[in-house]
Amino acid sequence: MSDSRLRRKDLSRPFHGVRSVDHVGADDGEESIVRRAIEYSRRMREEEFFSHVTAAVLWGLPLPPQSLLARSRGDAAMARPLDVAVRLPARAGRARGIRGRSISPHLAEVSIHPLTGLRVSTPAAVWAELATELALEDLVAVGDAAVREPMWETDAAALASVADLDRALGAGRRLGVDRLRAARPLVRTRSRSRPETHLRLAFVEAGLLEPECNWPVLDGDRLLALLDLAYPGAGVCFEYEGEHHLRDPEQWARDIRRHEMLVERGWRIVRVTKDDLYRHREELFTRIRLALAARD
């Protein structure tokens, strides 16, 4: 391309030596991180790879929204710099828009991302790296997502195994190791979303028995439904209703049919919303205890 074309205003300059078609809109969120990672990869050194939050986004691991943003300047939320790591003794990069990180060789585990072809920390290594970035319940949610086993025929294979998490935990001294040790026993292979993990941990926090994750409802050998959380012996289940359930008419219709099918099979259903889980937790615990008491 000619110099004049590279100077055109329809191109942005995300990093030194890189030109990209200009993007309109807020420069935040997961899509922005993926796009900027691809842009930066055009100038990455051979020893560099993406780690921490950037790698988590590339793997599709669930993160709290605030972790995707840098500190605000006034009222404007700034895009989070990309996490670009090297193995010591290599020197971490320094450039606008990136956060250079130096990782001990025994703690760094790198793979090629299957969709983007980018060099990234493995899912298990990302889980360990995030110990200094996330609260305990979100660290557990990332672990749950990494080891999630397929439950429907269309589900993808797990990104990592429980043994992979154990290996990352035992790889050596690292920042946040106490939080990792607290999180690891709470990781489960059958949690399908970040709110489901938070809800399960809320049960434990309230002194309730830990419910089963995604309990299967069968008709012979045919899988009819997976209950988000359940006490099968009591016939009580708990369904997290995300906001998309209300916005999508087809989803809402499926939810109604599913609810009726479960009631016909003897299940008592407690429906839980975002507001219940994050703002009115004590009222939620009361509803849970009443539902369980009604089945005693």
Protein backbone atom coordinates (compact mmCIF):
# COMPACT_ATOMS: atom_id res chain seq x y z
CA MET A 1 0.00 0.00 0.00
CA SER A 2 1.20 3.47 -0.76
CA ASP A 3 2.20 5.98 1.93
CA SER A 4 -0.73 8.19 0.98
CA ARG A 5 -3.18 5.30 1.42
CA LEU A 6 -1.74 4.51 4.86
CA ARG A 7 -2.34 8.14 5.87
CA ARG A 8 -6.04 8.07 4.95
CA LYS A 9 -8.48 8.93 7.73
CA ASP A 10 -10.49 5.72 7.34
CA LEU A 11 -7.57 3.83 8.90
CA SER A 12 -6.75 3.83 12.61
CA ARG A 13 -3.33 3.29 14.16
CA PRO A 14 -3.94 0.94 17.09
CA PHE A 15 -0.23 0.15 17.49
CA HIS A 16 3.01 1.42 16.04
CA GLY A 17 3.42 0.03 12.54
CA VAL A 18 -0.15 -1.32 12.38
CA ARG A 19 -3.04 0.10 10.36
CA SER A 20 -6.63 -1.05 10.73
CA VAL A 21 -10.01 -0.12 9.34
CA ASP A 22 -11.38 2.44 11.77
CA HIS A 23 -14.03 1.13 14.16
CA VAL A 24 -16.91 3.31 15.30
CA GLY A 25 -18.24 3.03 18.83
CA ALA A 26 -16.99 2.52 22.36
CA ASP A 27 -13.60 0.85 22.53
CA ASP A 28 -14.38 -1.54 25.36
CA GLY A 29 -15.70 -5.02 25.98
CA GLU A 30 -14.69 -8.44 24.74
CA GLU A 31 -15.05 -7.70 21.03
CA SER A 32 -12.62 -4.82 21.37
CA ILE A 33 -10.08 -6.99 23.18
CA VAL A 34 -10.25 -9.72 20.53
CA ARG A 35 -9.94 -7.19 17.71
CA ARG A 36 -7.01 -5.39 19.30
CA ALA A 37 -5.27 -8.69 20.07
CA ILE A 38 -5.47 -9.63 16.39
CA GLU A 39 -4.19 -6.19 15.43
CA TYR A 40 -1.28 -6.36 17.87
CA SER A 41 -0.38 -9.88 16.74
CA ARG A 42 0.86 -8.38 13.45
CA ARG A 43 3.79 -6.90 15.33
CA MET A 44 4.31 -9.40 18.15
CA ARG A 45 7.78 -10.68 18.83
CA GLU A 46 8.26 -14.43 18.62
CA GLU A 47 8.66 -14.76 22.39
CA GLU A 48 5.46 -12.85 23.22
CA PHE A 49 2.03 -14.35 23.96
CA PHE A 50 -1.28 -13.14 25.36
CA SER A 51 -2.02 -13.90 29.02
CA HIS A 52 -4.31 -13.01 31.94
CA VAL A 53 -7.54 -11.17 31.01
CA THR A 54 -6.70 -10.96 27.30
CA ALA A 55 -6.17 -14.72 27.07
CA ALA A 56 -9.33 -15.36 29.10
CA VAL A 57 -11.37 -13.34 26.62
CA LEU A 58 -9.82 -15.18 23.68
CA TRP A 59 -10.76 -18.52 25.27
CA GLY A 60 -14.28 -17.29 26.02
CA LEU A 61 -13.90 -17.64 29.78
CA PRO A 62 -16.47 -15.64 31.81
CA LEU A 63 -15.25 -12.44 33.44
CA PRO A 64 -16.97 -9.67 35.42
CA PRO A 65 -17.59 -6.65 33.15
CA GLN A 66 -15.41 -4.36 35.24
CA SER A 67 -12.35 -6.53 34.58
CA LEU A 68 -12.55 -5.62 30.88
CA LEU A 69 -12.01 -1.93 31.52
CA ALA A 70 -9.04 0.07 32.66
CA ARG A 71 -9.38 2.68 35.35
CA SER A 72 -11.66 5.51 34.29
CA ARG A 73 -10.49 9.02 33.52
CA GLY A 74 -13.26 11.22 34.78
CA ASP A 75 -16.52 9.82 33.44
CA ALA A 76 -14.95 7.99 30.49
CA ALA A 77 -14.27 4.26 30.77
CA MET A 78 -10.97 3.47 29.09
CA ALA A 79 -10.24 0.29 27.15
CA ARG A 80 -8.17 -2.20 29.10
CA PRO A 81 -4.61 -2.63 27.79
CA LEU A 82 -3.80 -6.00 26.28
CA ASP A 83 -1.90 -8.43 28.52
CA VAL A 84 1.23 -9.36 26.54
CA ALA A 85 3.59 -11.72 28.32
CA VAL A 86 7.05 -13.20 27.89
CA ARG A 87 8.92 -15.92 29.71
CA LEU A 88 11.76 -14.66 31.87
CA PRO A 89 14.53 -13.70 31.25
CA ALA A 90 13.05 -12.18 28.08
CA ARG A 91 12.11 -8.55 28.51
CA ALA A 92 8.42 -7.61 28.58
CA GLY A 93 7.25 -5.29 25.85
CA ARG A 94 6.46 -1.63 26.37
CA ALA A 95 4.00 0.05 24.03
CA ARG A 96 0.85 2.12 24.11
CA GLY A 97 -2.16 -0.12 24.58
CA ILE A 98 -0.40 -3.11 26.13
CA ARG A 99 0.58 -4.22 29.61
CA GLY A 100 3.84 -6.12 29.45
CA ARG A 101 4.12 -9.06 31.81
CA SER A 102 7.11 -11.23 32.70
CA ILE A 103 6.28 -14.79 33.76
CA SER A 104 8.62 -17.36 35.25
CA PRO A 105 9.21 -20.19 32.75
CA HIS A 106 7.85 -22.88 35.10
CA LEU A 107 4.56 -20.96 35.42
CA ALA A 108 4.08 -20.18 31.72
CA GLU A 109 2.21 -22.66 29.57
CA VAL A 110 1.51 -21.46 26.03
CA SER A 111 -0.58 -22.86 23.21
CA ILE A 112 -1.90 -21.76 19.84
CA HIS A 113 -5.50 -20.60 19.96
CA PRO A 114 -7.44 -22.88 17.57
CA LEU A 115 -9.65 -20.16 16.05
CA THR A 116 -7.39 -17.12 15.87
CA GLY A 117 -3.98 -18.76 15.60
CA LEU A 118 -2.69 -16.44 18.34
CA ARG A 119 -0.16 -17.49 20.98
CA VAL A 120 -1.96 -17.57 24.34
CA SER A 121 -1.63 -18.98 27.82
CA THR A 122 -3.46 -22.29 28.08
CA PRO A 123 -6.89 -22.19 29.79
CA ALA A 124 -5.51 -23.78 32.96
CA ALA A 125 -2.61 -21.32 33.06
CA VAL A 126 -5.04 -18.43 32.53
CA TRP A 127 -7.09 -19.61 35.51
CA ALA A 128 -3.96 -19.48 37.67
CA GLU A 129 -2.87 -16.10 36.25
CA LEU A 130 -6.23 -14.54 37.15
CA ALA A 131 -5.81 -15.23 40.87
CA THR A 132 -4.59 -11.66 41.38
CA GLU A 133 -7.30 -10.19 39.13
CA LEU A 134 -10.55 -11.75 40.33
CA ALA A 135 -12.55 -12.28 43.50
CA LEU A 136 -12.90 -15.85 44.71
CA GLU A 137 -16.36 -16.49 43.23
CA ASP A 138 -15.25 -15.29 39.80
CA LEU A 139 -12.06 -17.33 39.97
CA VAL A 140 -14.24 -20.38 40.64
CA ALA A 141 -16.48 -19.40 37.69
CA VAL A 142 -13.46 -19.28 35.37
CA GLY A 143 -12.34 -22.69 36.63
CA ASP A 144 -15.85 -24.09 36.10
CA ALA A 145 -15.93 -22.79 32.53
CA ALA A 146 -12.47 -24.16 31.73
CA VAL A 147 -13.30 -27.73 32.81
CA ARG A 148 -16.97 -27.75 31.72
CA GLU A 149 -17.80 -31.17 30.35
CA PRO A 150 -20.10 -31.57 27.33
CA MET A 151 -23.68 -32.24 28.36
CA TRP A 152 -25.53 -31.89 25.05
CA GLU A 153 -24.39 -33.43 21.78
CA THR A 154 -23.70 -29.94 20.40
CA ASP A 155 -21.46 -28.91 23.32
CA ALA A 156 -17.77 -28.38 22.68
CA ALA A 157 -15.14 -30.38 24.50
CA ALA A 158 -13.77 -29.01 27.76
CA LEU A 159 -10.95 -26.50 27.40
CA ALA A 160 -9.02 -28.10 30.25
CA SER A 161 -9.23 -30.94 32.73
CA VAL A 162 -9.31 -30.83 36.50
CA ALA A 163 -5.83 -32.36 36.38
CA ASP A 164 -4.71 -29.40 34.25
CA LEU A 165 -5.92 -27.00 36.95
CA ASP A 166 -4.11 -29.02 39.60
CA ARG A 167 -0.93 -28.92 37.55
CA ALA A 168 -1.18 -25.13 37.15
CA LEU A 169 -1.79 -24.77 40.88
CA GLY A 170 1.19 -26.94 41.72
CA ALA A 171 3.56 -25.46 39.15
CA GLY A 172 5.33 -23.30 41.71
CA ARG A 173 5.12 -20.17 43.81
CA ARG A 174 3.00 -17.44 42.28
CA LEU A 175 1.02 -14.39 43.37
CA GLY A 176 -2.48 -15.26 44.53
CA VAL A 177 -1.72 -18.89 45.31
CA ASP A 178 -3.81 -18.80 48.52
CA ARG A 179 -6.86 -17.73 46.51
CA LEU A 180 -6.20 -20.48 43.98
CA ARG A 181 -6.02 -23.03 46.77
CA ALA A 182 -9.35 -21.78 48.12
CA ALA A 183 -10.96 -21.82 44.67
CA ARG A 184 -9.80 -25.20 43.43
CA PRO A 185 -11.98 -27.41 45.73
CA LEU A 186 -15.03 -25.37 44.66
CA VAL A 187 -14.59 -25.97 40.92
CA ARG A 188 -17.17 -28.25 39.29
CA THR A 189 -17.33 -29.75 35.80
CA ARG A 190 -21.08 -29.30 35.25
CA SER A 191 -21.65 -25.56 35.70
CA ARG A 192 -22.75 -23.86 32.49
CA SER A 193 -22.54 -20.15 33.34
CA ARG A 194 -21.01 -17.57 35.65
CA PRO A 195 -24.36 -16.83 37.42
CA GLU A 196 -24.92 -20.55 37.98
CA THR A 197 -21.54 -20.75 39.71
CA HIS A 198 -22.33 -17.70 41.83
CA LEU A 199 -25.72 -19.16 42.78
CA ARG A 200 -24.18 -22.49 43.77
CA LEU A 201 -21.58 -20.75 45.93
CA ALA A 202 -24.33 -18.65 47.52
CA PHE A 203 -26.02 -21.87 48.69
CA VAL A 204 -22.81 -22.95 50.39
CA GLU A 205 -22.27 -19.50 51.90
CA ALA A 206 -25.77 -19.66 53.38
CA GLY A 207 -25.01 -22.98 55.09
CA LEU A 208 -27.18 -25.02 52.72
CA LEU A 209 -26.13 -28.33 51.21
CA GLU A 210 -24.46 -27.86 47.85
CA PRO A 211 -26.97 -28.65 45.09
CA GLU A 212 -26.26 -30.78 42.02
CA CYS A 213 -25.21 -28.86 38.92
CA ASN A 214 -27.21 -29.33 35.72
CA TRP A 215 -29.06 -32.39 36.90
CA PRO A 216 -30.40 -34.40 33.93
CA VAL A 217 -34.12 -35.04 33.52
CA LEU A 218 -34.55 -38.17 31.41
CA ASP A 219 -37.33 -39.95 29.56
CA GLY A 220 -35.80 -43.37 29.26
CA ASP A 221 -32.48 -42.70 27.53
CA ARG A 222 -33.66 -39.36 26.12
CA LEU A 223 -32.37 -36.20 27.80
CA LEU A 224 -35.28 -33.80 28.29
CA ALA A 225 -33.67 -31.03 30.33
CA LEU A 226 -30.76 -30.02 32.48
CA LEU A 227 -31.76 -28.37 35.74
CA ASP A 228 -29.40 -25.50 36.60
CA LEU A 229 -29.20 -26.56 40.26
CA ALA A 230 -31.20 -29.25 41.98
CA TYR A 231 -31.82 -31.29 45.10
CA PRO A 232 -32.99 -34.46 43.31
CA GLY A 233 -33.99 -36.26 46.50
CA ALA A 234 -36.35 -33.43 47.46
CA GLY A 235 -37.56 -32.83 43.91
CA VAL A 236 -36.64 -29.12 44.10
CA CYS A 237 -34.72 -27.31 41.40
CA PHE A 238 -33.47 -23.78 40.88
CA GLU A 239 -33.46 -22.15 37.45
CA TYR A 240 -31.47 -18.98 36.78
CA GLU A 241 -33.43 -16.71 34.45
CA GLY A 242 -31.02 -14.51 32.51
CA GLU A 243 -32.28 -11.32 30.90
CA HIS A 244 -32.26 -12.93 27.44
CA HIS A 245 -35.10 -15.20 28.61
CA LEU A 246 -37.37 -12.14 28.75
CA ARG A 247 -36.17 -10.43 25.57
CA ASP A 248 -36.45 -13.43 23.26
CA PRO A 249 -40.10 -14.46 22.60
CA GLU A 250 -39.10 -17.90 21.31
CA GLN A 251 -36.94 -18.52 24.38
CA TRP A 252 -39.77 -17.38 26.63
CA ALA A 253 -42.20 -19.81 24.92
CA ARG A 254 -39.70 -22.66 25.36
CA ASP A 255 -39.29 -21.74 29.02
CA ILE A 256 -43.05 -21.98 29.58
CA ARG A 257 -43.27 -25.42 27.95
CA ARG A 258 -40.21 -26.58 29.87
CA HIS A 259 -41.66 -25.34 33.16
CA GLU A 260 -44.92 -27.22 32.57
CA MET A 261 -43.05 -30.41 31.64
CA LEU A 262 -40.99 -30.29 34.85
CA VAL A 263 -44.04 -29.63 37.05
CA GLU A 264 -45.81 -32.59 35.44
CA ARG A 265 -42.84 -34.74 36.47
CA GLY A 266 -43.10 -33.64 40.08
CA TRP A 267 -40.44 -30.92 40.30
CA ARG A 268 -40.90 -27.83 42.40
CA ILE A 269 -39.17 -24.96 40.60
CA VAL A 270 -37.65 -21.86 42.18
CA ARG A 271 -36.85 -19.28 39.52
CA VAL A 272 -33.95 -16.96 40.30
CA THR A 273 -33.22 -13.62 38.64
CA LYS A 274 -30.14 -11.42 38.57
CA ASP A 275 -31.86 -9.14 41.09
CA ASP A 276 -32.49 -12.08 43.45
CA LEU A 277 -28.90 -13.28 43.30
CA TYR A 278 -27.01 -10.00 43.53
CA ARG A 279 -29.32 -7.62 45.39
CA HIS A 280 -31.83 -9.59 47.47
CA ARG A 281 -29.91 -12.66 48.50
CA GLU A 282 -31.42 -13.01 51.98
CA GLU A 283 -34.93 -13.05 50.52
CA LEU A 284 -33.72 -15.67 48.04
CA PHE A 285 -32.39 -17.87 50.84
CA THR A 286 -35.78 -17.64 52.58
CA ARG A 287 -37.54 -18.81 49.39
CA ILE A 288 -35.09 -21.70 49.05
CA ARG A 289 -35.63 -22.86 52.62
CA LEU A 290 -39.42 -22.62 52.26
CA ALA A 291 -39.31 -24.68 49.04
CA LEU A 292 -37.23 -27.36 50.75
CA ALA A 293 -39.40 -27.37 53.87
CA ALA A 294 -42.52 -27.89 51.75
CA ARG A 295 -41.02 -31.14 50.44
CA ASP A 296 -39.93 -32.57 53.81
